[in-house]
N, C-alpha and C. Protein backbone atom coordinates (compact mmCIF):
# COMPACT_ATOMS: atom_id res chain seq x y z
N MET A 1 -20.47 5.10 4.53
CA MET A 1 -20.12 4.18 3.36
C MET A 1 -18.72 3.91 3.18
N ASP A 2 -18.27 2.81 2.98
CA ASP A 2 -16.77 2.44 2.81
C ASP A 2 -16.32 3.03 1.53
N LYS A 3 -15.11 3.64 1.77
CA LYS A 3 -14.37 4.20 0.53
C LYS A 3 -13.73 3.06 -0.18
N PRO A 4 -13.79 3.13 -1.53
CA PRO A 4 -13.14 1.96 -2.30
C PRO A 4 -11.58 2.09 -2.06
N ILE A 5 -11.08 0.71 -2.19
CA ILE A 5 -9.69 0.66 -2.03
C ILE A 5 -9.03 0.83 -3.27
N LYS A 6 -8.01 1.64 -3.33
CA LYS A 6 -7.07 1.65 -4.57
C LYS A 6 -5.69 1.23 -4.31
N VAL A 7 -5.23 0.46 -5.31
CA VAL A 7 -3.80 0.04 -5.26
C VAL A 7 -2.87 0.63 -6.37
N ARG A 8 -1.65 1.11 -5.94
CA ARG A 8 -0.84 1.77 -6.82
C ARG A 8 0.65 1.61 -6.38
N LYS A 9 1.40 1.85 -7.37
CA LYS A 9 2.79 1.80 -6.96
C LYS A 9 3.20 3.06 -6.05
N ALA A 10 3.94 2.59 -4.94
CA ALA A 10 4.33 3.81 -4.04
C ALA A 10 5.33 4.86 -4.57
N ILE A 11 5.34 5.84 -4.07
CA ILE A 11 6.18 7.04 -4.52
C ILE A 11 7.00 7.44 -3.29
N PRO A 12 8.08 8.03 -3.48
CA PRO A 12 8.91 8.57 -2.40
C PRO A 12 8.30 9.27 -1.21
N ASP A 13 7.12 9.95 -1.54
CA ASP A 13 6.33 10.59 -0.35
C ASP A 13 5.75 9.62 0.64
N ASP A 14 5.55 8.32 -0.04
CA ASP A 14 5.01 7.30 0.97
C ASP A 14 5.90 6.69 2.03
N ALA A 15 7.24 7.04 1.87
CA ALA A 15 8.26 6.42 2.62
C ALA A 15 8.20 6.50 4.20
N SER A 16 7.60 7.46 4.77
CA SER A 16 7.45 7.57 6.10
C SER A 16 6.39 6.67 6.54
N LYS A 17 5.29 6.58 5.81
CA LYS A 17 4.23 5.81 6.17
C LYS A 17 4.68 4.28 5.97
N ILE A 18 5.25 3.83 4.95
CA ILE A 18 5.84 2.47 4.83
C ILE A 18 6.79 2.19 5.99
N ALA A 19 7.62 3.03 6.45
CA ALA A 19 8.53 2.76 7.63
C ALA A 19 7.72 2.50 8.97
N ASP A 20 6.57 3.50 9.13
CA ASP A 20 5.77 3.23 10.16
C ASP A 20 5.19 1.82 10.14
N PHE A 21 4.71 1.38 8.80
CA PHE A 21 4.04 0.02 8.77
C PHE A 21 5.07 -1.16 9.15
N ASN A 22 6.40 -0.82 8.63
CA ASN A 22 7.26 -1.87 8.94
C ASN A 22 7.72 -2.00 10.40
N ILE A 23 7.74 -0.81 11.13
CA ILE A 23 8.06 -0.77 12.46
C ILE A 23 7.01 -1.48 13.25
N ALA A 24 5.70 -1.35 12.83
CA ALA A 24 4.35 -1.91 13.52
C ALA A 24 4.56 -3.38 13.19
N MET A 25 4.83 -3.70 11.87
CA MET A 25 4.87 -5.36 11.56
C MET A 25 5.76 -6.10 12.33
N ALA A 26 7.05 -5.53 12.61
CA ALA A 26 8.09 -6.00 13.13
C ALA A 26 7.64 -6.32 14.58
N MET A 27 6.95 -5.45 15.33
CA MET A 27 6.59 -5.63 16.63
C MET A 27 5.61 -6.62 16.57
N GLU A 28 4.51 -6.60 15.79
CA GLU A 28 3.42 -7.46 15.90
C GLU A 28 3.86 -8.93 15.60
N THR A 29 4.62 -9.25 14.57
CA THR A 29 5.12 -10.53 14.16
C THR A 29 6.16 -11.07 14.85
N GLU A 30 7.16 -10.30 15.30
CA GLU A 30 8.44 -10.84 15.85
C GLU A 30 8.68 -10.19 17.23
N GLY A 31 8.00 -9.23 17.69
CA GLY A 31 8.31 -8.62 18.94
C GLY A 31 9.50 -7.76 18.92
N LYS A 32 9.99 -7.38 17.58
CA LYS A 32 11.25 -6.76 17.39
C LYS A 32 10.84 -5.16 17.35
N ARG A 33 11.83 -4.43 17.98
CA ARG A 33 11.61 -2.87 17.77
C ARG A 33 12.68 -2.48 16.72
N LEU A 34 12.31 -1.97 15.77
CA LEU A 34 13.02 -1.43 14.73
C LEU A 34 13.32 -0.01 15.00
N LYS A 35 14.45 0.51 14.77
CA LYS A 35 14.79 1.93 14.95
C LYS A 35 14.30 2.65 13.61
N ARG A 36 13.52 3.79 13.71
CA ARG A 36 13.10 4.57 12.52
C ARG A 36 14.45 5.19 11.85
N GLU A 37 15.42 5.49 12.57
CA GLU A 37 16.54 5.98 11.92
C GLU A 37 17.29 4.98 11.09
N GLU A 38 17.07 3.62 11.22
CA GLU A 38 17.67 2.75 10.53
C GLU A 38 16.51 2.27 9.22
N ILE A 39 15.38 2.13 9.70
CA ILE A 39 14.38 1.75 8.74
C ILE A 39 14.05 2.51 7.65
N GLU A 40 13.65 4.02 8.08
CA GLU A 40 13.33 4.95 7.10
C GLU A 40 14.20 5.06 5.99
N PRO A 41 15.64 5.17 6.34
CA PRO A 41 16.69 5.33 5.12
C PRO A 41 16.75 4.03 4.29
N GLY A 42 16.49 2.89 4.97
CA GLY A 42 16.33 1.78 4.07
C GLY A 42 15.06 1.76 3.11
N VAL A 43 13.96 2.18 3.64
CA VAL A 43 12.84 2.33 2.85
C VAL A 43 13.10 3.36 1.57
N LYS A 44 13.52 4.50 2.07
CA LYS A 44 13.70 5.54 1.04
C LYS A 44 14.78 5.08 -0.05
N SER A 45 15.82 4.36 0.31
CA SER A 45 16.91 3.82 -0.59
C SER A 45 16.22 2.97 -1.68
N LEU A 46 15.20 2.15 -1.56
CA LEU A 46 14.66 1.42 -2.48
C LEU A 46 13.99 2.23 -3.66
N PHE A 47 13.62 3.47 -3.36
CA PHE A 47 13.09 4.38 -4.39
C PHE A 47 14.20 4.72 -5.33
N SER A 48 15.32 4.74 -4.93
CA SER A 48 16.53 5.22 -5.87
C SER A 48 17.10 3.91 -6.28
N LYS A 49 16.61 2.75 -6.11
CA LYS A 49 17.22 1.61 -6.74
C LYS A 49 16.31 0.66 -7.41
N PRO A 50 15.69 1.07 -8.34
CA PRO A 50 14.39 0.28 -8.89
C PRO A 50 14.99 -1.15 -9.29
N GLU A 51 16.19 -1.30 -9.63
CA GLU A 51 16.68 -2.71 -10.07
C GLU A 51 16.65 -3.66 -8.75
N TYR A 52 16.47 -3.23 -7.57
CA TYR A 52 16.16 -4.11 -6.51
C TYR A 52 14.82 -4.36 -6.21
N GLY A 53 13.81 -3.43 -6.47
CA GLY A 53 12.43 -3.81 -6.20
C GLY A 53 11.62 -2.50 -6.16
N PHE A 54 10.51 -2.66 -5.61
CA PHE A 54 9.56 -1.35 -5.40
C PHE A 54 8.54 -1.94 -4.31
N TYR A 55 7.80 -0.80 -3.99
CA TYR A 55 6.69 -0.98 -2.96
C TYR A 55 5.46 -0.61 -3.68
N ILE A 56 4.38 -1.39 -3.21
CA ILE A 56 3.09 -0.82 -3.64
C ILE A 56 2.14 -0.61 -2.33
N VAL A 57 1.30 0.33 -2.53
CA VAL A 57 0.39 0.68 -1.27
C VAL A 57 -1.04 0.44 -1.76
N ALA A 58 -1.75 0.33 -0.72
CA ALA A 58 -3.35 0.45 -0.93
C ALA A 58 -3.93 1.61 -0.18
N GLU A 59 -4.88 2.31 -0.80
CA GLU A 59 -5.38 3.41 -0.11
C GLU A 59 -6.96 3.28 0.06
N SER A 60 -7.39 3.86 1.23
CA SER A 60 -8.82 4.07 1.39
C SER A 60 -9.04 5.52 1.22
N GLY A 61 -9.74 6.03 0.14
CA GLY A 61 -9.63 7.56 0.12
C GLY A 61 -8.33 7.98 0.00
N GLU A 62 -7.81 8.96 0.74
CA GLU A 62 -6.54 9.48 0.67
C GLU A 62 -5.72 8.83 1.59
N GLU A 63 -6.14 7.78 2.38
CA GLU A 63 -5.20 7.35 3.45
C GLU A 63 -4.62 6.02 2.98
N VAL A 64 -3.13 5.97 3.22
CA VAL A 64 -2.49 4.77 2.90
C VAL A 64 -2.85 3.82 3.97
N ILE A 65 -3.22 2.58 3.64
CA ILE A 65 -3.77 1.61 4.75
C ILE A 65 -3.04 0.24 4.68
N ALA A 66 -2.15 0.06 3.57
CA ALA A 66 -1.49 -1.28 3.49
C ALA A 66 -0.24 -0.97 2.38
N THR A 67 0.72 -1.85 2.67
CA THR A 67 1.91 -1.82 1.79
C THR A 67 2.29 -3.21 1.68
N LEU A 68 3.08 -3.44 0.59
CA LEU A 68 3.99 -4.54 0.41
C LEU A 68 5.26 -4.18 -0.38
N MET A 69 6.24 -5.00 -0.21
CA MET A 69 7.52 -4.66 -1.07
C MET A 69 7.77 -5.77 -1.78
N ILE A 70 8.15 -5.62 -3.21
CA ILE A 70 8.53 -6.58 -4.16
C ILE A 70 10.01 -6.45 -4.34
N THR A 71 10.85 -7.63 -4.08
CA THR A 71 12.19 -7.68 -4.55
C THR A 71 12.36 -8.67 -5.60
N PHE A 72 13.41 -8.64 -6.23
CA PHE A 72 13.77 -9.57 -7.48
C PHE A 72 14.74 -10.50 -7.10
N GLU A 73 14.69 -11.88 -7.61
CA GLU A 73 15.65 -12.95 -7.50
C GLU A 73 15.53 -13.51 -8.86
N TRP A 74 16.78 -13.71 -9.35
CA TRP A 74 16.91 -14.22 -10.68
C TRP A 74 16.96 -15.70 -10.47
N SER A 75 16.14 -16.45 -11.28
CA SER A 75 16.20 -17.92 -11.33
C SER A 75 16.82 -18.43 -12.61
N ASP A 76 17.93 -19.06 -12.51
CA ASP A 76 18.61 -19.57 -13.63
C ASP A 76 17.90 -20.93 -14.16
N TRP A 77 17.24 -21.60 -13.21
CA TRP A 77 16.38 -22.81 -13.48
C TRP A 77 15.22 -22.26 -14.35
N ARG A 78 14.76 -21.08 -14.06
CA ARG A 78 13.63 -20.78 -14.97
C ARG A 78 13.85 -19.77 -16.01
N ASN A 79 15.04 -19.24 -15.99
CA ASN A 79 15.41 -18.14 -16.80
C ASN A 79 14.47 -16.96 -16.72
N GLY A 80 14.23 -16.56 -15.49
CA GLY A 80 13.28 -15.52 -15.28
C GLY A 80 13.58 -14.97 -13.87
N LEU A 81 12.73 -13.92 -13.56
CA LEU A 81 12.76 -13.29 -12.23
C LEU A 81 11.59 -13.74 -11.33
N ILE A 82 11.92 -13.98 -10.16
CA ILE A 82 11.10 -14.36 -9.17
C ILE A 82 10.65 -13.02 -8.30
N TRP A 83 9.43 -12.79 -8.22
CA TRP A 83 9.25 -11.63 -7.32
C TRP A 83 8.89 -12.04 -5.95
N TRP A 84 9.72 -11.61 -4.95
CA TRP A 84 9.55 -11.89 -3.51
C TRP A 84 8.48 -10.86 -2.99
N ILE A 85 7.57 -11.23 -2.34
CA ILE A 85 6.54 -10.46 -1.59
C ILE A 85 7.09 -10.38 -0.23
N GLN A 86 7.41 -9.09 0.32
CA GLN A 86 7.96 -8.97 1.53
C GLN A 86 7.23 -7.60 2.24
N SER A 87 7.42 -7.56 3.54
CA SER A 87 6.96 -6.54 4.28
C SER A 87 5.58 -6.20 4.19
N VAL A 88 4.82 -7.12 4.16
CA VAL A 88 3.34 -7.07 4.01
C VAL A 88 2.66 -6.51 5.26
N TYR A 89 1.88 -5.38 5.13
CA TYR A 89 1.27 -4.86 6.38
C TYR A 89 -0.15 -4.30 5.91
N VAL A 90 -1.03 -4.57 6.77
CA VAL A 90 -2.40 -4.07 6.56
C VAL A 90 -2.88 -3.44 7.77
N VAL A 91 -3.17 -2.08 7.78
CA VAL A 91 -3.88 -1.61 9.21
C VAL A 91 -4.93 -2.48 9.61
N LYS A 92 -4.71 -2.55 11.00
CA LYS A 92 -5.85 -3.62 11.56
C LYS A 92 -7.19 -3.49 11.33
N GLU A 93 -7.74 -2.23 11.28
CA GLU A 93 -9.16 -2.21 10.80
C GLU A 93 -9.56 -2.54 9.58
N PHE A 94 -8.65 -2.71 8.64
CA PHE A 94 -8.74 -3.11 7.22
C PHE A 94 -8.41 -4.44 6.95
N ARG A 95 -8.06 -5.27 8.12
CA ARG A 95 -7.69 -6.68 7.69
C ARG A 95 -8.86 -7.40 7.56
N ARG A 96 -8.86 -8.54 6.80
CA ARG A 96 -9.88 -9.53 6.45
C ARG A 96 -10.90 -8.93 5.70
N LYS A 97 -10.59 -7.85 4.87
CA LYS A 97 -11.48 -7.09 4.06
C LYS A 97 -11.13 -7.30 2.55
N GLY A 98 -10.21 -7.98 2.20
CA GLY A 98 -9.64 -8.12 0.84
C GLY A 98 -8.78 -7.18 0.19
N VAL A 99 -8.07 -6.59 1.29
CA VAL A 99 -7.03 -5.23 0.72
C VAL A 99 -5.74 -6.24 0.40
N TYR A 100 -5.44 -7.29 0.92
CA TYR A 100 -4.27 -7.97 0.44
C TYR A 100 -4.60 -8.71 -0.93
N ARG A 101 -5.76 -9.29 -0.94
CA ARG A 101 -6.31 -9.96 -2.22
C ARG A 101 -6.20 -8.67 -3.45
N LYS A 102 -6.52 -7.63 -3.11
CA LYS A 102 -6.35 -6.64 -4.25
C LYS A 102 -4.77 -6.24 -4.57
N MET A 103 -4.08 -6.21 -3.54
CA MET A 103 -2.64 -5.83 -3.76
C MET A 103 -2.05 -6.95 -4.56
N TYR A 104 -2.27 -8.20 -4.26
CA TYR A 104 -1.70 -9.48 -4.90
C TYR A 104 -2.15 -9.44 -6.45
N ARG A 105 -3.53 -9.03 -6.60
CA ARG A 105 -4.04 -8.93 -7.83
C ARG A 105 -3.20 -7.95 -8.75
N ALA A 106 -3.06 -6.73 -8.02
CA ALA A 106 -2.23 -5.77 -8.82
C ALA A 106 -0.87 -6.10 -9.08
N ILE A 107 -0.15 -6.80 -8.23
CA ILE A 107 1.23 -7.32 -8.68
C ILE A 107 1.18 -8.38 -9.65
N LYS A 108 0.25 -9.13 -9.80
CA LYS A 108 0.00 -10.23 -10.85
C LYS A 108 -0.19 -9.36 -12.14
N GLU A 109 -0.85 -8.47 -12.14
CA GLU A 109 -1.31 -7.68 -13.31
C GLU A 109 -0.02 -6.95 -13.80
N MET A 110 0.90 -6.53 -12.97
CA MET A 110 2.12 -5.81 -13.27
C MET A 110 2.99 -6.86 -13.74
N ALA A 111 3.15 -8.03 -13.19
CA ALA A 111 3.97 -9.07 -13.74
C ALA A 111 3.63 -9.47 -15.08
N GLU A 112 2.29 -9.49 -15.41
CA GLU A 112 1.93 -10.03 -16.77
C GLU A 112 2.51 -9.25 -17.80
N GLU A 113 2.86 -7.91 -17.52
CA GLU A 113 3.46 -7.01 -18.57
C GLU A 113 4.83 -7.22 -18.68
N LYS A 114 5.58 -7.95 -17.83
CA LYS A 114 7.00 -8.18 -17.87
C LYS A 114 7.25 -9.70 -18.15
N PRO A 115 7.70 -9.96 -19.33
CA PRO A 115 7.74 -11.36 -19.73
C PRO A 115 8.94 -12.14 -19.04
N ASP A 116 9.75 -11.55 -18.24
CA ASP A 116 10.80 -12.21 -17.53
C ASP A 116 10.37 -12.54 -16.08
N VAL A 117 9.15 -12.17 -15.74
CA VAL A 117 8.76 -12.66 -14.44
C VAL A 117 8.19 -14.00 -14.63
N CYS A 118 8.67 -14.92 -13.61
CA CYS A 118 8.29 -16.31 -13.74
C CYS A 118 7.54 -16.85 -12.47
N GLY A 119 7.42 -16.09 -11.46
CA GLY A 119 6.65 -16.56 -10.43
C GLY A 119 6.81 -15.53 -9.30
N PHE A 120 5.99 -15.83 -8.04
CA PHE A 120 6.07 -15.22 -6.82
C PHE A 120 6.51 -15.92 -5.62
N ARG A 121 6.98 -15.50 -4.75
CA ARG A 121 7.53 -16.12 -3.33
C ARG A 121 7.35 -15.30 -2.34
N LEU A 122 7.06 -15.81 -1.13
CA LEU A 122 7.07 -15.01 0.11
C LEU A 122 7.30 -15.92 1.40
N TYR A 123 7.77 -15.44 2.17
CA TYR A 123 7.77 -16.26 3.53
C TYR A 123 6.84 -15.70 4.59
N VAL A 124 6.38 -16.52 5.49
CA VAL A 124 5.43 -16.19 6.39
C VAL A 124 5.87 -16.95 7.69
N GLU A 125 5.34 -16.40 8.84
CA GLU A 125 5.69 -17.00 10.22
C GLU A 125 4.98 -18.30 10.37
N LYS A 126 5.61 -19.27 10.68
CA LYS A 126 5.20 -20.58 10.92
C LYS A 126 3.72 -20.69 11.48
N GLU A 127 3.56 -19.81 12.60
CA GLU A 127 2.18 -19.93 13.34
C GLU A 127 1.27 -19.06 12.80
N ASN A 128 1.54 -18.30 11.70
CA ASN A 128 0.34 -17.35 11.17
C ASN A 128 -0.41 -18.03 10.20
N ARG A 129 -1.20 -18.87 10.82
CA ARG A 129 -2.15 -19.67 10.00
C ARG A 129 -3.15 -18.79 9.03
N VAL A 130 -3.60 -17.69 9.75
CA VAL A 130 -4.47 -16.85 8.90
C VAL A 130 -3.90 -16.35 7.67
N ALA A 131 -2.62 -15.84 7.72
CA ALA A 131 -1.87 -15.43 6.50
C ALA A 131 -1.78 -16.65 5.60
N GLN A 132 -1.27 -17.73 6.03
CA GLN A 132 -1.20 -19.07 5.30
C GLN A 132 -2.34 -19.38 4.57
N LYS A 133 -3.61 -19.29 5.18
CA LYS A 133 -4.88 -19.58 4.53
C LYS A 133 -5.10 -18.57 3.32
N THR A 134 -4.80 -17.45 3.65
CA THR A 134 -5.03 -16.13 2.64
C THR A 134 -4.23 -16.68 1.33
N TYR A 135 -2.90 -16.93 1.68
CA TYR A 135 -1.96 -17.17 0.50
C TYR A 135 -2.54 -18.45 -0.23
N THR A 136 -2.93 -19.34 0.42
CA THR A 136 -3.32 -20.59 -0.25
C THR A 136 -4.61 -20.18 -1.13
N SER A 137 -5.40 -19.38 -0.59
CA SER A 137 -6.72 -19.24 -1.29
C SER A 137 -6.50 -18.33 -2.63
N LEU A 138 -5.36 -17.90 -2.62
CA LEU A 138 -4.82 -16.88 -3.81
C LEU A 138 -4.26 -17.82 -4.95
N GLY A 139 -4.04 -19.22 -4.44
CA GLY A 139 -3.37 -20.03 -5.42
C GLY A 139 -1.86 -20.16 -5.20
N MET A 140 -1.32 -19.64 -4.00
CA MET A 140 0.09 -20.03 -3.73
C MET A 140 0.14 -21.36 -2.85
N SER A 141 1.35 -22.07 -2.85
CA SER A 141 1.36 -23.13 -2.15
C SER A 141 2.58 -23.23 -1.49
N GLU A 142 2.58 -24.10 -0.31
CA GLU A 142 3.84 -24.09 0.47
C GLU A 142 4.94 -24.86 -0.30
N THR A 143 6.12 -24.42 -0.09
CA THR A 143 7.23 -25.27 -0.75
C THR A 143 7.94 -26.18 0.15
N TYR A 144 8.79 -26.90 -0.31
CA TYR A 144 9.69 -27.72 0.48
C TYR A 144 10.87 -27.08 1.13
N TYR A 145 10.99 -25.99 0.94
CA TYR A 145 12.14 -25.16 1.20
C TYR A 145 12.18 -24.72 2.78
N LYS A 146 13.19 -24.62 3.45
CA LYS A 146 13.42 -23.77 4.58
C LYS A 146 14.42 -22.61 4.22
N ILE A 147 14.22 -21.74 5.10
CA ILE A 147 15.00 -20.44 4.75
C ILE A 147 16.04 -20.40 5.89
N PHE A 148 17.46 -20.25 5.58
CA PHE A 148 18.48 -20.19 6.47
C PHE A 148 19.05 -18.65 6.19
N GLU A 149 19.54 -17.94 7.19
CA GLU A 149 20.22 -16.71 7.05
C GLU A 149 21.38 -16.37 7.85
N GLU A 150 22.12 -15.60 7.66
CA GLU A 150 23.16 -15.14 8.47
C GLU A 150 23.16 -13.54 8.31
N ILE A 151 22.79 -12.92 9.36
CA ILE A 151 22.90 -11.52 9.25
C ILE A 151 23.66 -10.78 10.39
């Protein structure tokens, strides 16, 4: 029998697992090798800077099987915070089983308790049609914006 999926806000003890997931995600989606000695301190740092964001995790039994990160963007146009959904990762054997849907529902419920949250955003690989279909099915829509960066 399958164990129920529970979603909760991540705690510092989850940092190593979240780092594992970020390393796996970068390899799967972009073919990038992230260095644990760089990514793990970055994950741990967010726990001490709640003004930047937070992580949530999904568990099956006692096993963490998925994570995502929320970071905050102030929108002067909307006079509120946009929650950016980032670093989404679901363990392969749990994909296409509603895990992300439960996580998305959980962050929406969290946001309902905060009157300054005005919306959600995320970015997705252009070719990742499966993820795009999932996001659309949850009520999200593609924007007209492209993202530029300098790192």
